[in-house]
Amino acid sequence: PVHIIPELNEMFFGDWEMRHHRDLMQEDAENYSAWCNDWQHAIPTNGEGFQAFSQRVERFIARLSEFQHYQNILVVSHQGVLSLLIARLIGMPAEAMWHFRVDQGCWSTIDINQKFATLRVLNSRAIGVENA
Protein backbone atom coordinates (compact mmCIF):
# COMPACT_ATOMS: atom_id res chain seq x y z
CA PRO A 1 0.00 0.00 0.00
CA VAL A 2 0.99 3.63 -0.55
CA HIS A 3 0.95 5.95 2.46
CA ILE A 4 1.13 9.72 1.97
CA ILE A 5 2.82 11.06 5.07
CA PRO A 6 2.73 14.85 5.60
CA GLU A 7 5.71 14.68 7.98
CA LEU A 8 7.87 13.87 4.94
CA ASN A 9 7.01 17.06 3.04
CA GLU A 10 9.98 19.28 2.24
CA MET A 11 10.61 22.31 4.42
CA PHE A 12 8.22 25.13 3.47
CA PHE A 13 10.17 28.26 2.52
CA GLY A 14 7.12 30.55 2.39
CA ASP A 15 7.76 33.67 0.30
CA TRP A 16 11.14 32.22 -0.66
CA GLU A 17 9.73 29.17 -2.43
CA MET A 18 11.14 28.75 -5.94
CA ARG A 19 13.21 31.94 -5.57
CA HIS A 20 16.93 32.21 -6.33
CA HIS A 21 19.19 33.19 -3.43
CA ARG A 22 20.50 36.20 -5.41
CA ASP A 23 16.95 37.57 -5.59
CA LEU A 24 16.46 37.00 -1.87
CA MET A 25 19.70 38.85 -1.11
CA GLN A 26 18.29 41.88 -2.93
CA GLU A 27 14.58 41.72 -2.09
CA ASP A 28 14.54 40.31 1.46
CA ALA A 29 18.14 40.96 2.49
CA GLU A 30 17.64 41.31 6.24
CA ASN A 31 15.64 38.11 6.69
CA TYR A 32 17.73 36.13 4.23
CA SER A 33 20.95 37.24 5.91
CA ALA A 34 19.54 36.28 9.31
CA TRP A 35 18.63 32.84 7.95
CA CYS A 36 22.07 32.35 6.37
CA ASN A 37 23.73 33.25 9.68
CA ASP A 38 21.46 31.10 11.84
CA TRP A 39 19.48 28.66 9.66
CA GLN A 40 18.52 26.58 12.67
CA HIS A 41 16.58 29.40 14.33
CA ALA A 42 15.76 32.11 11.78
CA ILE A 43 12.58 31.47 9.83
CA PRO A 44 12.12 32.15 6.09
CA THR A 45 9.62 34.94 5.49
CA ASN A 46 6.13 33.42 5.94
CA GLY A 47 7.70 29.96 5.95
CA GLU A 48 8.59 27.11 8.24
CA GLY A 49 11.61 27.24 10.51
CA PHE A 50 14.16 24.46 10.74
CA GLN A 51 13.04 23.58 14.27
CA ALA A 52 9.45 22.92 13.12
CA PHE A 53 10.71 21.03 10.06
CA SER A 54 13.02 18.90 12.19
CA GLN A 55 10.25 18.14 14.69
CA ARG A 56 8.02 17.04 11.83
CA VAL A 57 10.63 14.56 10.59
CA GLU A 58 11.17 13.36 14.18
CA ARG A 59 7.43 12.61 14.40
CA PHE A 60 7.79 10.33 11.38
CA ILE A 61 10.77 8.58 12.97
CA ALA A 62 8.69 8.02 16.10
CA ARG A 63 5.98 6.43 13.91
CA LEU A 64 8.31 3.99 12.13
CA SER A 65 7.19 1.17 14.41
CA GLU A 66 3.76 1.40 12.71
CA PHE A 67 5.41 -0.04 9.61
CA GLN A 68 7.39 -2.83 11.30
CA HIS A 69 5.09 -5.53 9.90
CA TYR A 70 6.50 -4.75 6.43
CA GLN A 71 9.85 -6.30 5.61
CA ASN A 72 10.87 -3.23 3.61
CA ILE A 73 9.50 0.27 3.26
CA LEU A 74 10.30 2.78 0.53
CA VAL A 75 10.44 6.45 1.47
CA VAL A 76 10.27 8.92 -1.42
CA SER A 77 10.86 12.54 -0.52
CA HIS A 78 13.03 15.60 -1.10
CA GLN A 79 16.74 15.98 -0.40
CA GLY A 80 16.30 17.99 2.80
CA VAL A 81 13.90 15.50 4.33
CA LEU A 82 16.01 12.51 3.32
CA SER A 83 19.26 14.06 4.60
CA LEU A 84 17.67 14.90 7.93
CA LEU A 85 15.98 11.51 8.16
CA ILE A 86 19.25 9.66 7.54
CA ALA A 87 21.20 11.83 9.99
CA ARG A 88 18.66 11.35 12.78
CA LEU A 89 18.18 7.62 12.16
CA ILE A 90 21.91 6.94 12.45
CA GLY A 91 22.16 8.97 15.65
CA MET A 92 23.62 12.20 14.32
CA PRO A 93 22.31 15.61 15.42
CA ALA A 94 19.96 17.37 13.03
CA GLU A 95 22.59 19.90 11.94
CA ALA A 96 24.78 17.00 10.73
CA MET A 97 22.47 16.59 7.75
CA TRP A 98 24.88 18.84 5.83
CA HIS A 99 27.81 16.43 6.32
CA PHE A 100 26.71 14.16 3.50
CA ARG A 101 24.84 14.54 0.25
CA VAL A 102 21.69 12.84 -0.97
CA ASP A 103 21.76 12.92 -4.77
CA GLN A 104 18.67 13.19 -6.97
CA GLY A 105 17.49 10.02 -8.67
CA CYS A 106 19.32 7.72 -6.27
CA TRP A 107 18.32 5.30 -3.58
CA SER A 108 19.82 4.58 -0.20
CA THR A 109 19.33 1.73 2.24
CA ILE A 110 19.06 1.95 6.00
CA ASP A 111 18.75 -1.21 8.06
CA ILE A 112 16.83 -0.75 11.31
CA ASN A 113 17.04 -3.51 13.89
CA GLN A 114 15.37 -2.82 17.21
CA LYS A 115 15.82 0.95 16.89
CA PHE A 116 19.50 0.66 15.85
CA ALA A 117 20.00 1.99 12.33
CA THR A 118 22.86 1.31 9.93
CA LEU A 119 23.33 3.27 6.72
CA ARG A 120 24.17 0.47 4.31
CA VAL A 121 23.94 2.21 0.91
CA LEU A 122 24.01 5.92 0.06
CA ASN A 123 23.25 7.37 -3.40
CA SER A 124 23.17 4.21 -5.49
CA ARG A 125 21.92 4.22 -9.05
CA ALA A 126 22.22 0.46 -9.43
CA ILE A 127 19.22 -1.40 -10.81
CA GLY A 128 18.26 -4.94 -9.87
CA VAL A 129 20.67 -5.29 -6.97
CA GLU A 130 19.56 -8.11 -4.70
CA ASN A 131 19.98 -7.50 -0.98
CA ALA A 132 21.89 -4.28 -1.54
C-alpha atoms as a PDB file:
ATOM      1  CA  PRO A   1       0.000   0.000   0.000  1.00  0.00           C
ATOM      2  CA  VAL A   2       0.988   3.630  -0.545  1.00  0.00           C
ATOM      3  CA  HIS A   3       0.952   5.955   2.459  1.00  0.00           C
ATOM      4  CA  ILE A   4       1.129   9.716   1.974  1.00  0.00           C
ATOM      5  CA  ILE A   5       2.821  11.059   5.073  1.00  0.00           C
ATOM      6  CA  PRO A   6       2.733  14.854   5.601  1.00  0.00           C
ATOM      7  CA  GLU A   7       5.708  14.683   7.979  1.00  0.00           C
ATOM      8  CA  LEU A   8       7.865  13.868   4.937  1.00  0.00           C
ATOM      9  CA  ASN A   9       7.013  17.060   3.037  1.00  0.00           C
ATOM     10  CA  GLU A  10       9.983  19.282   2.236  1.00  0.00           C
ATOM     11  CA  MET A  11      10.612  22.312   4.425  1.00  0.00           C
ATOM     12  CA  PHE A  12       8.223  25.133   3.472  1.00  0.00           C
ATOM     13  CA  PHE A  13      10.166  28.257   2.524  1.00  0.00           C
ATOM     14  CA  GLY A  14       7.124  30.553   2.389  1.00  0.00           C
ATOM     15  CA  ASP A  15       7.755  33.673   0.296  1.00  0.00           C
ATOM     16  CA  TRP A  16      11.139  32.224  -0.663  1.00  0.00           C
ATOM     17  CA  GLU A  17       9.732  29.166  -2.432  1.00  0.00           C
ATOM     18  CA  MET A  18      11.142  28.753  -5.943  1.00  0.00           C
ATOM     19  CA  ARG A  19      13.215  31.936  -5.573  1.00  0.00           C
ATOM     20  CA  HIS A  20      16.931  32.214  -6.326  1.00  0.00           C
ATOM     21  CA  HIS A  21      19.190  33.186  -3.435  1.00  0.00           C
ATOM     22  CA  ARG A  22      20.495  36.196  -5.409  1.00  0.00           C
ATOM     23  CA  ASP A  23      16.949  37.565  -5.589  1.00  0.00           C
ATOM     24  CA  LEU A  24      16.461  37.003  -1.874  1.00  0.00           C
ATOM     25  CA  MET A  25      19.703  38.848  -1.108  1.00  0.00           C
ATOM     26  CA  GLN A  26      18.288  41.881  -2.926  1.00  0.00           C
ATOM     27  CA  GLU A  27      14.584  41.721  -2.094  1.00  0.00           C
ATOM     28  CA  ASP A  28      14.543  40.314   1.463  1.00  0.00           C
ATOM     29  CA  ALA A  29      18.144  40.965   2.489  1.00  0.00           C
ATOM     30  CA  GLU A  30      17.635  41.312   6.244  1.00  0.00           C
ATOM     31  CA  ASN A  31      15.636  38.112   6.688  1.00  0.00           C
ATOM     32  CA  TYR A  32      17.732  36.128   4.228  1.00  0.00           C
ATOM     33  CA  SER A  33      20.954  37.245   5.910  1.00  0.00           C
ATOM     34  CA  ALA A  34      19.540  36.281   9.315  1.00  0.00           C
ATOM     35  CA  TRP A  35      18.628  32.845   7.954  1.00  0.00           C
ATOM     36  CA  CYS A  36      22.068  32.350   6.375  1.00  0.00           C
ATOM     37  CA  ASN A  37      23.734  33.254   9.679  1.00  0.00           C
ATOM     38  CA  ASP A  38      21.455  31.098  11.844  1.00  0.00           C
ATOM     39  CA  TRP A  39      19.485  28.659   9.657  1.00  0.00           C
ATOM     40  CA  GLN A  40      18.521  26.577  12.673  1.00  0.00           C
ATOM     41  CA  HIS A  41      16.579  29.396  14.335  1.00  0.00           C
ATOM     42  CA  ALA A  42      15.764  32.106  11.780  1.00  0.00           C
ATOM     43  CA  ILE A  43      12.580  31.472   9.825  1.00  0.00           C
ATOM     44  CA  PRO A  44      12.122  32.155   6.095  1.00  0.00           C
ATOM     45  CA  THR A  45       9.616  34.940   5.487  1.00  0.00           C
ATOM     46  CA  ASN A  46       6.128  33.420   5.936  1.00  0.00           C
ATOM     47  CA  GLY A  47       7.705  29.956   5.949  1.00  0.00           C
ATOM     48  CA  GLU A  48       8.588  27.107   8.243  1.00  0.00           C
ATOM     49  CA  GLY A  49      11.612  27.239  10.510  1.00  0.00           C
ATOM     50  CA  PHE A  50      14.155  24.455  10.735  1.00  0.00           C
ATOM     51  CA  GLN A  51      13.037  23.576  14.268  1.00  0.00           C
ATOM     52  CA  ALA A  52       9.453  22.918  13.122  1.00  0.00           C
ATOM     53  CA  PHE A  53      10.707  21.032  10.062  1.00  0.00           C
ATOM     54  CA  SER A  54      13.016  18.898  12.190  1.00  0.00           C
ATOM     55  CA  GLN A  55      10.249  18.138  14.691  1.00  0.00           C
ATOM     56  CA  ARG A  56       8.017  17.035  11.833  1.00  0.00           C
ATOM     57  CA  VAL A  57      10.634  14.560  10.585  1.00  0.00           C
ATOM     58  CA  GLU A  58      11.167  13.357  14.177  1.00  0.00           C
ATOM     59  CA  ARG A  59       7.429  12.612  14.396  1.00  0.00           C
ATOM     60  CA  PHE A  60       7.786  10.328  11.376  1.00  0.00           C
ATOM     61  CA  ILE A  61      10.766   8.579  12.967  1.00  0.00           C
ATOM     62  CA  ALA A  62       8.689   8.020  16.103  1.00  0.00           C
ATOM     63  CA  ARG A  63       5.983   6.431  13.913  1.00  0.00           C
ATOM     64  CA  LEU A  64       8.311   3.988  12.133  1.00  0.00           C
ATOM     65  CA  SER A  65       7.185   1.166  14.409  1.00  0.00           C
ATOM     66  CA  GLU A  66       3.757   1.404  12.712  1.00  0.00           C
ATOM     67  CA  PHE A  67       5.407  -0.045   9.611  1.00  0.00           C
ATOM     68  CA  GLN A  68       7.389  -2.832  11.298  1.00  0.00           C
ATOM     69  CA  HIS A  69       5.093  -5.525   9.901  1.00  0.00           C
ATOM     70  CA  TYR A  70       6.497  -4.751   6.433  1.00  0.00           C
ATOM     71  CA  GLN A  71       9.847  -6.303   5.609  1.00  0.00           C
ATOM     72  CA  ASN A  72      10.868  -3.231   3.610  1.00  0.00           C
ATOM     73  CA  ILE A  73       9.501   0.268   3.256  1.00  0.00           C
ATOM     74  CA  LEU A  74      10.299   2.777   0.530  1.00  0.00           C
ATOM     75  CA  VAL A  75      10.441   6.448   1.468  1.00  0.00           C
ATOM     76  CA  VAL A  76      10.268   8.915  -1.417  1.00  0.00           C
ATOM     77  CA  SER A  77      10.860  12.539  -0.523  1.00  0.00           C
ATOM     78  CA  HIS A  78      13.034  15.599  -1.098  1.00  0.00           C
ATOM     79  CA  GLN A  79      16.745  15.980  -0.398  1.00  0.00           C
ATOM     80  CA  GLY A  80      16.304  17.993   2.799  1.00  0.00           C
ATOM     81  CA  VAL A  81      13.897  15.502   4.328  1.00  0.00           C
ATOM     82  CA  LEU A  82      16.008  12.513   3.323  1.00  0.00           C
ATOM     83  CA  SER A  83      19.256  14.062   4.599  1.00  0.00           C
ATOM     84  CA  LEU A  84      17.673  14.897   7.934  1.00  0.00           C
ATOM     85  CA  LEU A  85      15.985  11.508   8.156  1.00  0.00           C
ATOM     86  CA  ILE A  86      19.247   9.657   7.540  1.00  0.00           C
ATOM     87  CA  ALA A  87      21.196  11.828   9.994  1.00  0.00           C
ATOM     88  CA  ARG A  88      18.663  11.348  12.780  1.00  0.00           C
ATOM     89  CA  LEU A  89      18.182   7.615  12.160  1.00  0.00           C
ATOM     90  CA  ILE A  90      21.907   6.942  12.453  1.00  0.00           C
ATOM     91  CA  GLY A  91      22.160   8.967  15.652  1.00  0.00           C
ATOM     92  CA  MET A  92      23.618  12.198  14.323  1.00  0.00           C
ATOM     93  CA  PRO A  93      22.315  15.609  15.425  1.00  0.00           C
ATOM     94  CA  ALA A  94      19.964  17.372  13.031  1.00  0.00           C
ATOM     95  CA  GLU A  95      22.592  19.897  11.940  1.00  0.00           C
ATOM     96  CA  ALA A  96      24.780  17.001  10.729  1.00  0.00           C
ATOM     97  CA  MET A  97      22.469  16.589   7.745  1.00  0.00           C
ATOM     98  CA  TRP A  98      24.877  18.836   5.830  1.00  0.00           C
ATOM     99  CA  HIS A  99      27.806  16.434   6.319  1.00  0.00           C
ATOM    100  CA  PHE A 100      26.710  14.156   3.498  1.00  0.00           C
ATOM    101  CA  ARG A 101      24.842  14.540   0.254  1.00  0.00           C
ATOM    102  CA  VAL A 102      21.689  12.835  -0.972  1.00  0.00           C
ATOM    103  CA  ASP A 103      21.760  12.924  -4.770  1.00  0.00           C
ATOM    104  CA  GLN A 104      18.673  13.187  -6.966  1.00  0.00           C
ATOM    105  CA  GLY A 105      17.485  10.022  -8.669  1.00  0.00           C
ATOM    106  CA  CYS A 106      19.319   7.722  -6.272  1.00  0.00           C
ATOM    107  CA  TRP A 107      18.319   5.299  -3.583  1.00  0.00           C
ATOM    108  CA  SER A 108      19.820   4.585  -0.200  1.00  0.00           C
ATOM    109  CA  THR A 109      19.326   1.731   2.236  1.00  0.00           C
ATOM    110  CA  ILE A 110      19.058   1.952   5.999  1.00  0.00           C
ATOM    111  CA  ASP A 111      18.747  -1.206   8.061  1.00  0.00           C
ATOM    112  CA  ILE A 112      16.831  -0.752  11.306  1.00  0.00           C
ATOM    113  CA  ASN A 113      17.043  -3.506  13.889  1.00  0.00           C
ATOM    114  CA  GLN A 114      15.366  -2.818  17.209  1.00  0.00           C
ATOM    115  CA  LYS A 115      15.823   0.953  16.887  1.00  0.00           C
ATOM    116  CA  PHE A 116      19.498   0.664  15.850  1.00  0.00           C
ATOM    117  CA  ALA A 117      20.004   1.992  12.330  1.00  0.00           C
ATOM    118  CA  THR A 118      22.863   1.310   9.934  1.00  0.00           C
ATOM    119  CA  LEU A 119      23.327   3.267   6.715  1.00  0.00           C
ATOM    120  CA  ARG A 120      24.172   0.466   4.309  1.00  0.00           C
ATOM    121  CA  VAL A 121      23.936   2.213   0.908  1.00  0.00           C
ATOM    122  CA  LEU A 122      24.007   5.921   0.059  1.00  0.00           C
ATOM    123  CA  ASN A 123      23.249   7.365  -3.398  1.00  0.00           C
ATOM    124  CA  SER A 124      23.167   4.205  -5.486  1.00  0.00           C
ATOM    125  CA  ARG A 125      21.917   4.221  -9.055  1.00  0.00           C
ATOM    126  CA  ALA A 126      22.223   0.457  -9.435  1.00  0.00           C
ATOM    127  CA  ILE A 127      19.217  -1.403 -10.814  1.00  0.00           C
ATOM    128  CA  GLY A 128      18.264  -4.939  -9.872  1.00  0.00           C
ATOM    129  CA  VAL A 129      20.666  -5.293  -6.975  1.00  0.00           C
ATOM    130  CA  GLU A 130      19.564  -8.107  -4.700  1.00  0.00           C
ATOM    131  CA  ASN A 131      19.975  -7.505  -0.978  1.00  0.00           C
ATOM    132  CA  ALA A 132      21.892  -4.280  -1.542  1.00  0.00           C
END
